[in-house]
Each structure stands twice: as structure tokens, then as C-alpha cells.
Amino acid sequence: TALGLREESFAVGALSRVVAAELASYAPARNRRRTATNKASVVFVDRTLDLAGAVGHHGDNLAEKILSVLPKLPGHKTDVMVNMVELTALRTTDETCNIIAPGCLAQPNDPAAKALWESFMNLKQKEAVMEARRHLVEAASRENLPIKMIMGRVTPEQLSSYIQLFRNNLKALENHCGLLQLVLATVQTLKHPQTSKWDNFLAFERLLLQTIGESEMPSVLNQFLPMIKSYNERTKDDYTCEDFLVLLVYMYSVVGEIKSGKELDVAEKEVKKALVKAICDEPEPSPVLQKIT
């Protein structure tokens, strides 16, 4: 009213359509539209779609993967622990070795590390990993370390071999500590078992989006049901209970309006039964599962 607008409303989502319809039929709004001089489009968006972004795996982004798979830095919400053992003479197979203080992603005093982190956020994963190799090669060259540049695809093993060159050179370590932490974070993320599962998530989400366009929710849930396996039935490639919950949140967020009926009730009941069994069979439920139950 204050802007003298005559609006045309668009809705994305079921609840948005209800709100837009209420506004369209609201008597004072109808009177305003008759006298208003300016035109505007108003887009209403259901907030449930926000959840699809938070639980989806569609970004080909190295920063997102690093933040998802590496353990959180104690006392921080947005930074991760980078295992620094590789830069020492310690030889331990213990992943949780806590003799050496962990590294992290925040490197405000290292221009090269800051530039590399920007690449991790803005480039595709393949390009970001190549950028990590380039920065590492430049740093090693500046320190006169015996580095051999290898062209072609960048592997975590190749980055690790470059990092090893800095290990016995304290001055080089000190000069490039920030950069080395980011490259170590990259290596640990690429080797992490959760990273291959990320690709499985992405494949399932794409398949789901195609299926939703062609069929109803009950048939989507029936496709999902065989994937729910209890602890004793799962292999390392299968989804965990938390993974199922993430996928269900994604499904219900992107599916839009759901037609209720007997078929849906039966499909949902079966999924609930399988999920409850899987959660009850967990020998050591994660903090998230404990909170939910």
C-alpha cells in the first residue's frame, strides 16, 4: 500500500500458493490494486526448499566436501581439524593421533593460503585440486626443494609426495605452514571414505529428481526401502541411519505437494518400520541419532 503497488503473485510450493491466494482474494488488497499506479511481481517461496539445499550433495565444490567430511575443530562451528602428523617424523597409523596440534582452514596471515581457499570455494573440484598442486610447486621452488612437476591428473598421493619435501626443512615449513594445512586438508578429504559416498548421494538425488517427475511418492519410497539396511547387513558402501534421514529430508523437501491416500500410508509405514529397526540395531548410535531418539 505504501508503495502504491499493483502486484502479480507467483508461488513456488504448496504453502506459498495458499498465501498468494489469500492475498489475491483479500478485500483491502483488491481495492488497492484498483487504484495503484505501479506494477510489481511478488514471488512467494516455500521455506521447506531451504532444507533441500542444506542436505543436498549437488555442489562440485572442494570447500563443501572438506567442511563436510573432516572432523570439526574443537570449539568451532565452521572450521575443521587437519591432521598434521604427515609433516612430522612421527610414524603413526592412528587417525586420531592428538600429540600434534591440528591444523585448520582459517589462514588470515598467509596470502597464498587465502588465495587457495578462494579457489576451493569458487572453482570446480578438479580445477581446485590442480590449483593446490600449482601453489605447492611454487612454494617448493621458492625454497629450492627438489620438486619434480608431473603433468596430468592430480592424485592425493602426488600431493602427499610434494608435502613430504617440506618435512625436514623447518624454515620452509614455517614460511608455508598455512598453505600446507590447506593442501593436507585436500589430501585427507580426497582419501576419506565419505567422499566416495558423496558421489553415491549425488547419483541418488539426480535419480530421485527424475523419478519424482514421472511417478508418485509411494513408488519413490518403495525404491528407497531396499536401501535401508541394519548394521549387520551393511557394507562400507551402504548408507548409515543418518544418511537415510538426510535422504528422506531431501525427498520430502523437493517432492512438493504429496497426495495422501492408502498407498502412501502403506509405503510410509514400511519405511518407518525399516528405519526404526535399523536405528534399534545400531551398536553405538551417533550423537545425532541419540538426540533424535
C-alpha atoms as a PDB file:
ATOM      1  CA  THR A   1       0.000   0.000   0.000  1.00  0.00           C
ATOM      2  CA  ALA A   2       2.790   2.394   0.966  1.00  0.00           C
ATOM      3  CA  LEU A   3       4.500   1.822  -2.395  1.00  0.00           C
ATOM      4  CA  GLY A   4       1.254   2.073  -4.373  1.00  0.00           C
ATOM      5  CA  LEU A   5       1.802  -1.353  -5.955  1.00  0.00           C
ATOM      6  CA  ARG A   6      -0.444  -3.478  -8.141  1.00  0.00           C
ATOM      7  CA  GLU A   7       1.140  -6.888  -7.715  1.00  0.00           C
ATOM      8  CA  GLU A   8       1.155 -10.046  -9.740  1.00  0.00           C
ATOM      9  CA  SER A   9       1.845 -13.027  -7.460  1.00  0.00           C
ATOM     10  CA  PHE A  10       3.845 -16.176  -8.236  1.00  0.00           C
ATOM     11  CA  ALA A  11       4.147 -19.161  -5.899  1.00  0.00           C
ATOM     12  CA  VAL A  12       6.816 -21.871  -5.560  1.00  0.00           C
ATOM     13  CA  GLY A  13       5.491 -24.561  -3.246  1.00  0.00           C
ATOM     14  CA  ALA A  14       2.157 -25.600  -1.744  1.00  0.00           C
ATOM     15  CA  LEU A  15       2.087 -23.256   1.268  1.00  0.00           C
ATOM     16  CA  SER A  16       3.182 -20.320  -0.891  1.00  0.00           C
ATOM     17  CA  ARG A  17       0.230 -20.943  -3.200  1.00  0.00           C
ATOM     18  CA  VAL A  18      -2.158 -20.735  -0.224  1.00  0.00           C
ATOM     19  CA  VAL A  19      -0.600 -17.451   0.981  1.00  0.00           C
ATOM     20  CA  ALA A  20      -0.629 -15.951  -2.545  1.00  0.00           C
ATOM     21  CA  ALA A  21      -4.292 -16.966  -2.991  1.00  0.00           C
ATOM     22  CA  GLU A  22      -5.226 -15.350   0.346  1.00  0.00           C
ATOM     23  CA  LEU A  23      -3.536 -12.125  -0.709  1.00  0.00           C
ATOM     24  CA  ALA A  24      -5.263 -12.190  -4.111  1.00  0.00           C
ATOM     25  CA  SER A  25      -8.733 -12.518  -2.570  1.00  0.00           C
ATOM     26  CA  TYR A  26      -8.133 -10.174   0.418  1.00  0.00           C
ATOM     27  CA  ALA A  27     -10.651  -7.283   0.093  1.00  0.00           C
ATOM     28  CA  PRO A  28      -8.333  -4.360   1.089  1.00  0.00           C
ATOM     29  CA  ALA A  29      -5.695  -5.741  -1.362  1.00  0.00           C
ATOM     30  CA  ARG A  30      -8.272  -5.869  -4.170  1.00  0.00           C
ATOM     31  CA  ASN A  31      -9.192  -2.198  -3.532  1.00  0.00           C
ATOM     32  CA  ARG A  32      -5.507  -1.225  -3.502  1.00  0.00           C
ATOM     33  CA  ARG A  33      -4.871  -2.956  -6.842  1.00  0.00           C
ATOM     34  CA  ARG A  34      -7.673  -0.967  -8.454  1.00  0.00           C
ATOM     35  CA  THR A  35      -6.093   2.386  -7.555  1.00  0.00           C
ATOM     36  CA  ALA A  36      -2.358   1.519  -7.540  1.00  0.00           C
ATOM     37  CA  THR A  37      -0.158   3.100 -10.225  1.00  0.00           C
ATOM     38  CA  ASN A  38       2.972   0.923 -10.046  1.00  0.00           C
ATOM     39  CA  LYS A  39       3.268  -2.716 -11.135  1.00  0.00           C
ATOM     40  CA  ALA A  40       5.384  -5.380  -9.394  1.00  0.00           C
ATOM     41  CA  SER A  41       5.876  -9.145  -9.334  1.00  0.00           C
ATOM     42  CA  VAL A  42       5.849 -10.858  -5.945  1.00  0.00           C
ATOM     43  CA  VAL A  43       7.364 -14.337  -5.671  1.00  0.00           C
ATOM     44  CA  PHE A  44       6.416 -16.485  -2.658  1.00  0.00           C
ATOM     45  CA  VAL A  45       8.844 -19.367  -1.964  1.00  0.00           C
ATOM     46  CA  ASP A  46       8.241 -22.231   0.479  1.00  0.00           C
ATOM     47  CA  ARG A  47      10.989 -22.337   3.071  1.00  0.00           C
ATOM     48  CA  THR A  48      10.980 -26.179   3.008  1.00  0.00           C
ATOM     49  CA  LEU A  49      13.069 -25.831  -0.165  1.00  0.00           C
ATOM     50  CA  ASP A  50      15.862 -24.373   2.007  1.00  0.00           C
ATOM     51  CA  LEU A  51      16.278 -27.847   3.509  1.00  0.00           C
ATOM     52  CA  ALA A  52      16.944 -29.375   0.083  1.00  0.00           C
ATOM     53  CA  GLY A  53      19.981 -27.098  -0.275  1.00  0.00           C
ATOM     54  CA  ALA A  54      21.317 -27.928   3.189  1.00  0.00           C
ATOM     55  CA  VAL A  55      21.070 -31.716   2.800  1.00  0.00           C
ATOM     56  CA  GLY A  56      21.810 -31.976  -0.954  1.00  0.00           C
ATOM     57  CA  HIS A  57      25.151 -33.056  -2.432  1.00  0.00           C
ATOM     58  CA  HIS A  58      24.896 -31.332  -5.796  1.00  0.00           C
ATOM     59  CA  GLY A  59      27.853 -28.945  -5.448  1.00  0.00           C
ATOM     60  CA  ASP A  60      31.064 -29.950  -7.233  1.00  0.00           C
ATOM     61  CA  ASN A  61      32.941 -27.902  -4.686  1.00  0.00           C
ATOM     62  CA  LEU A  62      36.072 -28.876  -2.743  1.00  0.00           C
ATOM     63  CA  ALA A  63      35.432 -26.447   0.147  1.00  0.00           C
ATOM     64  CA  GLU A  64      31.999 -28.007   0.768  1.00  0.00           C
ATOM     65  CA  LYS A  65      33.477 -31.514   0.833  1.00  0.00           C
ATOM     66  CA  ILE A  66      36.318 -30.531   3.201  1.00  0.00           C
ATOM     67  CA  LEU A  67      33.830 -28.937   5.621  1.00  0.00           C
ATOM     68  CA  SER A  68      31.545 -31.990   5.409  1.00  0.00           C
ATOM     69  CA  VAL A  69      33.984 -34.855   5.902  1.00  0.00           C
ATOM     70  CA  LEU A  70      36.791 -33.633   8.204  1.00  0.00           C
ATOM     71  CA  PRO A  71      36.147 -33.532  11.978  1.00  0.00           C
ATOM     72  CA  LYS A  72      35.200 -30.165  13.493  1.00  0.00           C
ATOM     73  CA  LEU A  73      37.900 -28.096  15.206  1.00  0.00           C
ATOM     74  CA  PRO A  74      37.054 -28.184  18.945  1.00  0.00           C
ATOM     75  CA  GLY A  75      35.165 -25.053  19.996  1.00  0.00           C
ATOM     76  CA  HIS A  76      34.463 -24.029  16.398  1.00  0.00           C
ATOM     77  CA  LYS A  77      31.401 -24.468  14.182  1.00  0.00           C
ATOM     78  CA  THR A  78      32.875 -23.504  10.806  1.00  0.00           C
ATOM     79  CA  ASP A  79      36.430 -24.839  10.885  1.00  0.00           C
ATOM     80  CA  VAL A  80      37.870 -28.345  10.764  1.00  0.00           C
ATOM     81  CA  MET A  81      40.797 -30.292  12.205  1.00  0.00           C
ATOM     82  CA  VAL A  82      43.573 -31.059   9.755  1.00  0.00           C
ATOM     83  CA  ASN A  83      45.824 -33.945  10.806  1.00  0.00           C
ATOM     84  CA  MET A  84      49.396 -32.580  10.744  1.00  0.00           C
ATOM     85  CA  VAL A  85      51.254 -35.836  11.510  1.00  0.00           C
ATOM     86  CA  GLU A  86      52.419 -36.105   7.882  1.00  0.00           C
ATOM     87  CA  LEU A  87      54.643 -33.044   8.386  1.00  0.00           C
ATOM     88  CA  THR A  88      56.452 -34.657  11.343  1.00  0.00           C
ATOM     89  CA  ALA A  89      58.832 -37.571  11.799  1.00  0.00           C
ATOM     90  CA  LEU A  90      56.173 -39.414  13.818  1.00  0.00           C
ATOM     91  CA  ARG A  91      55.067 -42.610  12.168  1.00  0.00           C
ATOM     92  CA  THR A  92      51.632 -43.484  13.472  1.00  0.00           C
ATOM     93  CA  THR A  93      48.688 -45.211  11.856  1.00  0.00           C
ATOM     94  CA  ASP A  94      46.330 -43.771  14.477  1.00  0.00           C
ATOM     95  CA  GLU A  95      43.933 -41.450  12.660  1.00  0.00           C
ATOM     96  CA  THR A  96      43.081 -39.643  15.903  1.00  0.00           C
ATOM     97  CA  CYS A  97      46.700 -39.027  16.936  1.00  0.00           C
ATOM     98  CA  ASN A  98      46.498 -35.985  19.220  1.00  0.00           C
ATOM     99  CA  ILE A  99      50.163 -35.499  20.117  1.00  0.00           C
ATOM    100  CA  ILE A 100      50.447 -32.975  17.278  1.00  0.00           C
ATOM    101  CA  ALA A 101      48.144 -29.953  17.392  1.00  0.00           C
ATOM    102  CA  PRO A 102      45.678 -29.999  14.486  1.00  0.00           C
ATOM    103  CA  GLY A 103      45.820 -27.574  11.592  1.00  0.00           C
ATOM    104  CA  CYS A 104      42.782 -25.653  10.339  1.00  0.00           C
ATOM    105  CA  LEU A 105      41.390 -23.833   7.285  1.00  0.00           C
ATOM    106  CA  ALA A 106      41.490 -20.240   8.584  1.00  0.00           C
ATOM    107  CA  GLN A 107      44.836 -18.750   7.492  1.00  0.00           C
ATOM    108  CA  PRO A 108      44.352 -14.949   7.602  1.00  0.00           C
ATOM    109  CA  ASN A 109      48.099 -14.175   7.619  1.00  0.00           C
ATOM    110  CA  ASP A 110      49.058 -16.298   4.603  1.00  0.00           C
ATOM    111  CA  PRO A 111      48.155 -14.671   1.238  1.00  0.00           C
ATOM    112  CA  ALA A 112      48.851 -17.889  -0.748  1.00  0.00           C
ATOM    113  CA  ALA A 113      46.611 -19.941   1.559  1.00  0.00           C
ATOM    114  CA  LYS A 114      43.844 -17.319   1.360  1.00  0.00           C
ATOM    115  CA  ALA A 115      44.019 -17.356  -2.448  1.00  0.00           C
ATOM    116  CA  LEU A 116      43.913 -21.177  -2.470  1.00  0.00           C
ATOM    117  CA  TRP A 117      40.860 -21.245  -0.162  1.00  0.00           C
ATOM    118  CA  GLU A 118      39.093 -18.845  -2.564  1.00  0.00           C
ATOM    119  CA  SER A 119      39.835 -21.360  -5.347  1.00  0.00           C
ATOM    120  CA  PHE A 120      38.380 -24.189  -3.245  1.00  0.00           C
ATOM    121  CA  MET A 121      35.135 -22.228  -2.900  1.00  0.00           C
ATOM    122  CA  ASN A 122      34.835 -20.830  -6.417  1.00  0.00           C
ATOM    123  CA  LEU A 123      36.287 -23.462  -8.765  1.00  0.00           C
ATOM    124  CA  LYS A 124      35.141 -26.972  -9.631  1.00  0.00           C
ATOM    125  CA  GLN A 125      36.850 -29.719  -7.629  1.00  0.00           C
ATOM    126  CA  LYS A 126      39.177 -30.832 -10.461  1.00  0.00           C
ATOM    127  CA  GLU A 127      40.392 -27.238 -11.059  1.00  0.00           C
ATOM    128  CA  ALA A 128      40.735 -26.551  -7.305  1.00  0.00           C
ATOM    129  CA  VAL A 129      42.948 -29.634  -6.813  1.00  0.00           C
ATOM    130  CA  MET A 130      45.151 -28.517  -9.726  1.00  0.00           C
ATOM    131  CA  GLU A 131      45.377 -25.094  -8.085  1.00  0.00           C
ATOM    132  CA  ALA A 132      46.547 -26.772  -4.850  1.00  0.00           C
ATOM    133  CA  ARG A 133      49.315 -28.555  -6.790  1.00  0.00           C
ATOM    134  CA  ARG A 134      50.369 -25.274  -8.511  1.00  0.00           C
ATOM    135  CA  HIS A 135      50.647 -23.400  -5.197  1.00  0.00           C
ATOM    136  CA  LEU A 136      52.626 -26.267  -3.669  1.00  0.00           C
ATOM    137  CA  VAL A 137      55.054 -26.424  -6.618  1.00  0.00           C
ATOM    138  CA  GLU A 138      55.606 -22.644  -6.495  1.00  0.00           C
ATOM    139  CA  ALA A 139      56.259 -22.747  -2.726  1.00  0.00           C
ATOM    140  CA  ALA A 140      58.723 -25.654  -3.104  1.00  0.00           C
ATOM    141  CA  SER A 141      60.536 -23.871  -5.947  1.00  0.00           C
ATOM    142  CA  ARG A 142      60.916 -20.723  -3.836  1.00  0.00           C
ATOM    143  CA  GLU A 143      62.501 -22.818  -1.070  1.00  0.00           C
ATOM    144  CA  ASN A 144      64.783 -24.630  -3.586  1.00  0.00           C
ATOM    145  CA  LEU A 145      63.278 -28.008  -2.693  1.00  0.00           C
ATOM    146  CA  PRO A 146      63.910 -30.815  -5.229  1.00  0.00           C
ATOM    147  CA  ILE A 147      60.417 -30.900  -6.745  1.00  0.00           C
ATOM    148  CA  LYS A 148      59.523 -32.679  -9.991  1.00  0.00           C
ATOM    149  CA  MET A 149      56.447 -31.241 -11.692  1.00  0.00           C
ATOM    150  CA  ILE A 150      54.212 -34.016 -13.028  1.00  0.00           C
ATOM    151  CA  MET A 151      51.536 -33.109 -15.542  1.00  0.00           C
ATOM    152  CA  GLY A 152      48.163 -34.798 -15.880  1.00  0.00           C
ATOM    153  CA  ARG A 153      45.609 -35.724 -13.240  1.00  0.00           C
ATOM    154  CA  VAL A 154      46.338 -34.716  -9.655  1.00  0.00           C
ATOM    155  CA  THR A 155      46.124 -37.554  -7.121  1.00  0.00           C
ATOM    156  CA  PRO A 156      46.175 -37.333  -3.303  1.00  0.00           C
ATOM    157  CA  GLU A 157      49.354 -39.479  -3.352  1.00  0.00           C
ATOM    158  CA  GLN A 158      51.074 -36.946  -5.625  1.00  0.00           C
ATOM    159  CA  LEU A 159      50.163 -34.048  -3.311  1.00  0.00           C
ATOM    160  CA  SER A 160      51.402 -36.091  -0.309  1.00  0.00           C
ATOM    161  CA  SER A 161      54.758 -36.701  -2.008  1.00  0.00           C
ATOM    162  CA  TYR A 162      55.134 -32.928  -2.563  1.00  0.00           C
ATOM    163  CA  ILE A 163      54.245 -32.234   1.085  1.00  0.00           C
ATOM    164  CA  GLN A 164      56.944 -34.696   2.241  1.00  0.00           C
ATOM    165  CA  LEU A 165      59.610 -32.385   0.707  1.00  0.00           C
ATOM    166  CA  PHE A 166      58.828 -29.713   3.316  1.00  0.00           C
ATOM    167  CA  ARG A 167      59.034 -32.128   6.244  1.00  0.00           C
ATOM    168  CA  ASN A 168      62.697 -31.832   7.187  1.00  0.00           C
ATOM    169  CA  ASN A 169      63.055 -28.145   6.348  1.00  0.00           C
ATOM    170  CA  LEU A 170      61.896 -26.077   9.341  1.00  0.00           C
ATOM    171  CA  LYS A 171      62.281 -22.732   7.556  1.00  0.00           C
ATOM    172  CA  ALA A 172      60.219 -23.905   4.568  1.00  0.00           C
ATOM    173  CA  LEU A 173      57.625 -25.346   6.979  1.00  0.00           C
ATOM    174  CA  GLU A 174      57.364 -22.043   8.816  1.00  0.00           C
ATOM    175  CA  ASN A 175      57.145 -19.975   5.619  1.00  0.00           C
ATOM    176  CA  HIS A 176      54.370 -22.073   4.062  1.00  0.00           C
ATOM    177  CA  CYS A 177      52.582 -23.544   7.075  1.00  0.00           C
ATOM    178  CA  GLY A 178      49.171 -22.093   6.121  1.00  0.00           C
ATOM    179  CA  LEU A 179      49.356 -23.407   2.569  1.00  0.00           C
ATOM    180  CA  LEU A 180      50.475 -26.859   3.745  1.00  0.00           C
ATOM    181  CA  GLN A 181      47.478 -27.087   6.106  1.00  0.00           C
ATOM    182  CA  LEU A 182      45.055 -26.457   3.243  1.00  0.00           C
ATOM    183  CA  VAL A 183      46.767 -28.981   0.953  1.00  0.00           C
ATOM    184  CA  LEU A 184      46.758 -31.566   3.769  1.00  0.00           C
ATOM    185  CA  ALA A 185      43.025 -30.899   4.230  1.00  0.00           C
ATOM    186  CA  THR A 186      42.602 -31.601   0.498  1.00  0.00           C
ATOM    187  CA  VAL A 187      44.570 -34.879   0.671  1.00  0.00           C
ATOM    188  CA  GLN A 188      42.667 -36.094   3.748  1.00  0.00           C
ATOM    189  CA  THR A 189      39.318 -35.205   2.156  1.00  0.00           C
ATOM    190  CA  LEU A 190      40.081 -36.946  -1.151  1.00  0.00           C
ATOM    191  CA  LYS A 191      41.163 -40.105   0.715  1.00  0.00           C
ATOM    192  CA  HIS A 192      38.193 -40.022   3.112  1.00  0.00           C
ATOM    193  CA  PRO A 193      35.644 -42.860   2.643  1.00  0.00           C
ATOM    194  CA  GLN A 194      32.819 -40.312   2.965  1.00  0.00           C
ATOM    195  CA  THR A 195      33.966 -38.639  -0.290  1.00  0.00           C
ATOM    196  CA  SER A 196      33.096 -41.668  -2.454  1.00  0.00           C
ATOM    197  CA  LYS A 197      29.751 -41.853  -0.644  1.00  0.00           C
ATOM    198  CA  TRP A 198      29.190 -38.204  -1.615  1.00  0.00           C
ATOM    199  CA  ASP A 199      29.104 -39.275  -5.281  1.00  0.00           C
ATOM    200  CA  ASN A 200      26.566 -42.011  -4.404  1.00  0.00           C
ATOM    201  CA  PHE A 201      24.373 -39.385  -2.741  1.00  0.00           C
ATOM    202  CA  LEU A 202      24.609 -37.180  -5.815  1.00  0.00           C
ATOM    203  CA  ALA A 203      23.642 -40.059  -8.138  1.00  0.00           C
ATOM    204  CA  PHE A 204      20.662 -40.956  -5.933  1.00  0.00           C
ATOM    205  CA  GLU A 205      19.489 -37.318  -5.758  1.00  0.00           C
ATOM    206  CA  ARG A 206      19.597 -36.989  -9.556  1.00  0.00           C
ATOM    207  CA  LEU A 207      17.707 -40.257  -9.997  1.00  0.00           C
ATOM    208  CA  LEU A 208      15.183 -39.090  -7.394  1.00  0.00           C
ATOM    209  CA  LEU A 209      14.529 -35.813  -9.210  1.00  0.00           C
ATOM    210  CA  GLN A 210      13.879 -37.745 -12.446  1.00  0.00           C
ATOM    211  CA  THR A 211      11.606 -40.262 -10.697  1.00  0.00           C
ATOM    212  CA  ILE A 212       9.578 -37.593  -8.889  1.00  0.00           C
ATOM    213  CA  GLY A 213       8.753 -36.000 -12.228  1.00  0.00           C
ATOM    214  CA  GLU A 214       7.289 -39.250 -13.529  1.00  0.00           C
ATOM    215  CA  SER A 215       5.764 -41.057 -10.528  1.00  0.00           C
ATOM    216  CA  GLU A 216       4.034 -40.562  -7.178  1.00  0.00           C
ATOM    217  CA  MET A 217       5.647 -40.520  -3.729  1.00  0.00           C
ATOM    218  CA  PRO A 218       4.678 -44.150  -2.828  1.00  0.00           C
ATOM    219  CA  SER A 219       6.719 -45.569  -5.735  1.00  0.00           C
ATOM    220  CA  VAL A 220       9.671 -43.311  -4.776  1.00  0.00           C
ATOM    221  CA  LEU A 221       9.520 -44.640  -1.188  1.00  0.00           C
ATOM    222  CA  ASN A 222       9.311 -48.224  -2.462  1.00  0.00           C
ATOM    223  CA  GLN A 223      12.541 -47.631  -4.425  1.00  0.00           C
ATOM    224  CA  PHE A 224      14.154 -46.239  -1.266  1.00  0.00           C
ATOM    225  CA  LEU A 225      13.073 -49.144   1.004  1.00  0.00           C
ATOM    226  CA  PRO A 226      15.633 -51.828  -0.097  1.00  0.00           C
ATOM    227  CA  MET A 227      18.472 -49.388   0.617  1.00  0.00           C
ATOM    228  CA  ILE A 228      17.615 -49.272   4.347  1.00  0.00           C
ATOM    229  CA  LYS A 229      19.872 -51.914   5.887  1.00  0.00           C
ATOM    230  CA  SER A 230      20.598 -52.713   9.529  1.00  0.00           C
ATOM    231  CA  TYR A 231      24.118 -52.525  10.966  1.00  0.00           C
ATOM    232  CA  ASN A 232      24.856 -56.262  10.432  1.00  0.00           C
ATOM    233  CA  GLU A 233      23.716 -56.192   6.781  1.00  0.00           C
ATOM    234  CA  ARG A 234      25.622 -53.057   5.744  1.00  0.00           C
ATOM    235  CA  THR A 235      28.922 -52.872   3.880  1.00  0.00           C
ATOM    236  CA  LYS A 236      31.132 -49.755   3.938  1.00  0.00           C
ATOM    237  CA  ASP A 237      29.428 -48.509   0.751  1.00  0.00           C
ATOM    238  CA  ASP A 238      25.891 -48.729   2.159  1.00  0.00           C
ATOM    239  CA  TYR A 239      24.064 -45.810   3.718  1.00  0.00           C
ATOM    240  CA  THR A 240      24.036 -45.358   7.510  1.00  0.00           C
ATOM    241  CA  CYS A 241      20.958 -44.370   9.548  1.00  0.00           C
ATOM    242  CA  GLU A 242      21.974 -40.685   9.393  1.00  0.00           C
ATOM    243  CA  ASP A 243      22.354 -40.979   5.613  1.00  0.00           C
ATOM    244  CA  PHE A 244      18.787 -42.331   5.336  1.00  0.00           C
ATOM    245  CA  LEU A 245      17.465 -39.405   7.367  1.00  0.00           C
ATOM    246  CA  VAL A 246      19.338 -36.927   5.150  1.00  0.00           C
ATOM    247  CA  LEU A 247      17.920 -38.574   2.009  1.00  0.00           C
ATOM    248  CA  LEU A 248      14.377 -38.558   3.442  1.00  0.00           C
ATOM    249  CA  VAL A 249      14.651 -34.840   4.276  1.00  0.00           C
ATOM    250  CA  TYR A 250      15.816 -34.213   0.706  1.00  0.00           C
ATOM    251  CA  MET A 251      12.995 -36.316  -0.774  1.00  0.00           C
ATOM    252  CA  TYR A 252      10.212 -34.658   1.187  1.00  0.00           C
ATOM    253  CA  SER A 253      11.674 -31.193   0.520  1.00  0.00           C
ATOM    254  CA  VAL A 254      11.820 -31.453  -3.267  1.00  0.00           C
ATOM    255  CA  VAL A 255       8.714 -33.558  -3.906  1.00  0.00           C
ATOM    256  CA  GLY A 256       6.254 -30.659  -3.490  1.00  0.00           C
ATOM    257  CA  GLU A 257       2.609 -31.475  -2.805  1.00  0.00           C
ATOM    258  CA  ILE A 258       2.018 -35.066  -1.738  1.00  0.00           C
ATOM    259  CA  LYS A 259      -1.326 -36.737  -2.465  1.00  0.00           C
ATOM    260  CA  SER A 260      -2.383 -38.599   0.669  1.00  0.00           C
ATOM    261  CA  GLY A 261      -4.047 -41.989   0.390  1.00  0.00           C
ATOM    262  CA  LYS A 262      -3.867 -45.650   1.342  1.00  0.00           C
ATOM    263  CA  GLU A 263      -0.929 -46.387  -0.980  1.00  0.00           C
ATOM    264  CA  LEU A 264       1.170 -43.607   0.589  1.00  0.00           C
ATOM    265  CA  ASP A 265       0.250 -44.736   4.121  1.00  0.00           C
ATOM    266  CA  VAL A 266       1.406 -48.299   3.380  1.00  0.00           C
ATOM    267  CA  ALA A 267       4.701 -47.135   1.759  1.00  0.00           C
ATOM    268  CA  GLU A 268       5.486 -44.733   4.635  1.00  0.00           C
ATOM    269  CA  LYS A 269       4.668 -47.413   7.232  1.00  0.00           C
ATOM    270  CA  GLU A 270       7.155 -49.836   5.620  1.00  0.00           C
ATOM    271  CA  VAL A 271       9.904 -47.164   5.509  1.00  0.00           C
ATOM    272  CA  LYS A 272       9.258 -46.228   9.155  1.00  0.00           C
ATOM    273  CA  LYS A 273       9.409 -49.901  10.210  1.00  0.00           C
ATOM    274  CA  ALA A 274      12.725 -50.469   8.386  1.00  0.00           C
ATOM    275  CA  LEU A 275      14.199 -47.237   9.743  1.00  0.00           C
ATOM    276  CA  VAL A 276      13.192 -47.977  13.359  1.00  0.00           C
ATOM    277  CA  LYS A 277      14.740 -51.466  13.068  1.00  0.00           C
ATOM    278  CA  ALA A 278      17.960 -50.010  11.623  1.00  0.00           C
ATOM    279  CA  ILE A 279      18.181 -47.401  14.422  1.00  0.00           C
ATOM    280  CA  CYS A 280      17.471 -50.023  17.146  1.00  0.00           C
ATOM    281  CA  ASP A 281      20.168 -52.328  15.731  1.00  0.00           C
ATOM    282  CA  GLU A 282      22.906 -49.671  15.920  1.00  0.00           C
ATOM    283  CA  PRO A 283      25.552 -50.899  18.429  1.00  0.00           C
ATOM    284  CA  GLU A 284      26.797 -47.354  19.078  1.00  0.00           C
ATOM    285  CA  PRO A 285      24.266 -44.716  17.954  1.00  0.00           C
ATOM    286  CA  SER A 286      25.872 -41.445  16.872  1.00  0.00           C
ATOM    287  CA  PRO A 287      25.187 -38.226  18.858  1.00  0.00           C
ATOM    288  CA  VAL A 288      22.645 -37.183  16.178  1.00  0.00           C
ATOM    289  CA  LEU A 289      20.712 -40.473  16.464  1.00  0.00           C
ATOM    290  CA  GLN A 290      20.806 -40.299  20.276  1.00  0.00           C
ATOM    291  CA  LYS A 291      19.398 -36.768  20.133  1.00  0.00           C
ATOM    292  CA  ILE A 292      16.591 -37.820  17.764  1.00  0.00           C
ATOM    293  CA  THR A 293      15.624 -40.941  19.730  1.00  0.00           C
END
